[in-house]
Amino acid sequence: MPRSVNHVASRAKRKRILKLTRGYYGARKNVWTVAKNTWEKGLTYAFRDRKAKKRNFRALWIQRINAAARIEGISYSALMGNLKKAGIEINRKVLADLAMNNPEAFKAICDKVKK
């Protein structure tokens, strides 16, 4: 008896992955094995870079806070330490946004912390 193969499902799977690789360069878009490998590697990059993105943004926020704090005459580490001692719970994302878009509010926070 001949072997039974669900060709409909396997073809659908290949079509789905080849559709996801549209726009890739050369054989990466239309040769099944190359496209599958490229797509799988892309998933690993996506997973890795979702984590790296968080690190990059935190570093950017720290740089912005540090730059604005030094204009006010205080270092980043002193600012963060004094915020903790003063019991002001404000995260780096909001602090960086204040430093960029609302310098008066950031100055008020710095003045409160310096005391």
Protein backbone atom coordinates (compact mmCIF):
# COMPACT_ATOMS: atom_id res chain seq x y z
CA MET A 1 0.00 0.00 0.00
CA PRO A 2 1.41 3.44 -0.89
CA ARG A 3 2.49 5.86 1.80
CA SER A 4 -0.09 8.47 2.73
CA VAL A 5 1.19 12.04 2.78
CA ASN A 6 -0.80 15.07 3.80
CA HIS A 7 0.51 17.22 0.99
CA VAL A 8 -2.09 19.94 1.52
CA ALA A 9 -0.84 20.68 5.04
CA SER A 10 2.87 20.51 4.18
CA ARG A 11 2.39 22.77 1.15
CA ALA A 12 0.40 25.22 3.29
CA LYS A 13 3.19 25.32 5.86
CA ARG A 14 5.79 26.04 3.18
CA LYS A 15 3.61 28.74 1.61
CA ARG A 16 3.09 30.38 5.00
CA ILE A 17 6.83 30.61 5.69
CA LEU A 18 7.67 31.70 2.14
CA LYS A 19 5.06 34.45 2.49
CA LEU A 20 6.80 35.61 5.69
CA THR A 21 10.14 35.84 3.87
CA ARG A 22 8.88 38.12 1.09
CA GLY A 23 11.23 41.06 0.64
CA TYR A 24 14.35 39.15 1.64
CA TYR A 25 17.35 39.21 -0.69
CA GLY A 26 18.11 36.49 -3.24
CA ALA A 27 17.40 32.86 -2.43
CA ARG A 28 16.33 33.82 1.09
CA LYS A 29 12.88 34.62 -0.25
CA ASN A 30 12.09 31.71 -2.57
CA VAL A 31 14.26 28.65 -1.83
CA TRP A 32 12.49 26.66 0.85
CA THR A 33 15.43 25.52 2.99
CA VAL A 34 17.24 28.87 2.81
CA ALA A 35 14.03 30.79 3.51
CA LYS A 36 13.15 28.56 6.47
CA ASN A 37 16.61 28.95 8.00
CA THR A 38 16.55 32.71 7.49
CA TRP A 39 13.08 33.01 9.01
CA GLU A 40 14.06 30.93 12.06
CA LYS A 41 17.22 32.97 12.58
CA GLY A 42 15.13 36.13 12.32
CA LEU A 43 12.96 34.88 15.17
CA THR A 44 16.02 34.42 17.38
CA TYR A 45 17.20 37.94 16.53
CA ALA A 46 13.73 39.29 17.33
CA PHE A 47 13.71 37.56 20.72
CA ARG A 48 17.22 38.78 21.55
CA ASP A 49 16.58 42.33 20.43
CA ARG A 50 13.34 42.70 22.39
CA LYS A 51 15.55 42.31 25.46
CA ALA A 52 18.32 44.57 24.07
CA LYS A 53 15.76 47.28 23.30
CA LYS A 54 14.90 47.56 26.99
CA ARG A 55 18.59 47.92 27.88
CA ASN A 56 19.13 50.53 25.18
CA PHE A 57 16.22 52.66 26.32
CA ARG A 58 17.29 52.50 29.96
CA ALA A 59 20.78 53.67 28.94
CA LEU A 60 19.27 56.51 26.90
CA TRP A 61 17.09 57.62 29.84
CA ILE A 62 20.10 57.61 32.16
CA GLN A 63 22.13 59.73 29.72
CA ARG A 64 19.31 62.26 29.41
CA ILE A 65 18.78 62.46 33.17
CA ASN A 66 22.52 62.84 33.74
CA ALA A 67 22.82 65.65 31.19
CA ALA A 68 19.87 67.55 32.66
CA ALA A 69 21.01 66.95 36.24
CA ARG A 70 24.49 68.28 35.55
CA ILE A 71 22.93 71.47 34.15
CA GLU A 72 21.25 71.79 37.55
CA GLY A 73 24.60 71.18 39.28
CA ILE A 74 24.12 67.63 40.54
CA SER A 75 25.41 64.30 39.23
CA TYR A 76 23.16 61.46 38.14
CA SER A 77 24.17 59.16 40.98
CA ALA A 78 23.67 61.87 43.60
CA LEU A 79 20.28 62.74 42.11
CA MET A 80 19.08 59.14 42.14
CA GLY A 81 20.42 58.53 45.65
CA ASN A 82 18.79 61.67 47.02
CA LEU A 83 15.51 60.82 45.28
CA LYS A 84 15.52 57.50 47.10
CA LYS A 85 16.34 59.14 50.46
CA ALA A 86 13.61 61.76 49.95
CA GLY A 87 11.09 59.00 49.27
CA ILE A 88 10.27 60.29 45.79
CA GLU A 89 9.35 57.28 43.68
CA ILE A 90 9.70 58.33 40.07
CA ASN A 91 11.09 56.06 37.39
CA ARG A 92 13.84 56.87 34.91
CA LYS A 93 11.49 56.93 31.93
CA VAL A 94 9.36 59.70 33.45
CA LEU A 95 12.42 61.58 34.74
CA ALA A 96 14.01 61.53 31.28
CA ASP A 97 10.75 62.75 29.72
CA LEU A 98 10.58 65.60 32.24
CA ALA A 99 14.22 66.48 31.57
CA MET A 100 13.58 66.68 27.82
CA ASN A 101 10.09 68.17 27.59
CA ASN A 102 9.49 69.96 30.89
CA PRO A 103 12.75 71.39 32.27
CA GLU A 104 10.92 73.49 34.89
CA ALA A 105 9.43 70.41 36.53
CA PHE A 106 12.81 68.64 36.40
CA LYS A 107 14.43 71.71 38.00
CA ALA A 108 11.81 71.63 40.77
CA ILE A 109 12.59 67.96 41.46
CA CYS A 110 16.32 68.71 41.55
CA ASP A 111 15.78 71.62 43.94
CA LYS A 112 13.68 69.44 46.23
CA VAL A 113 16.37 66.76 46.22
CA LYS A 114 19.27 69.17 46.85
CA LYS A 115 17.80 70.29 50.20
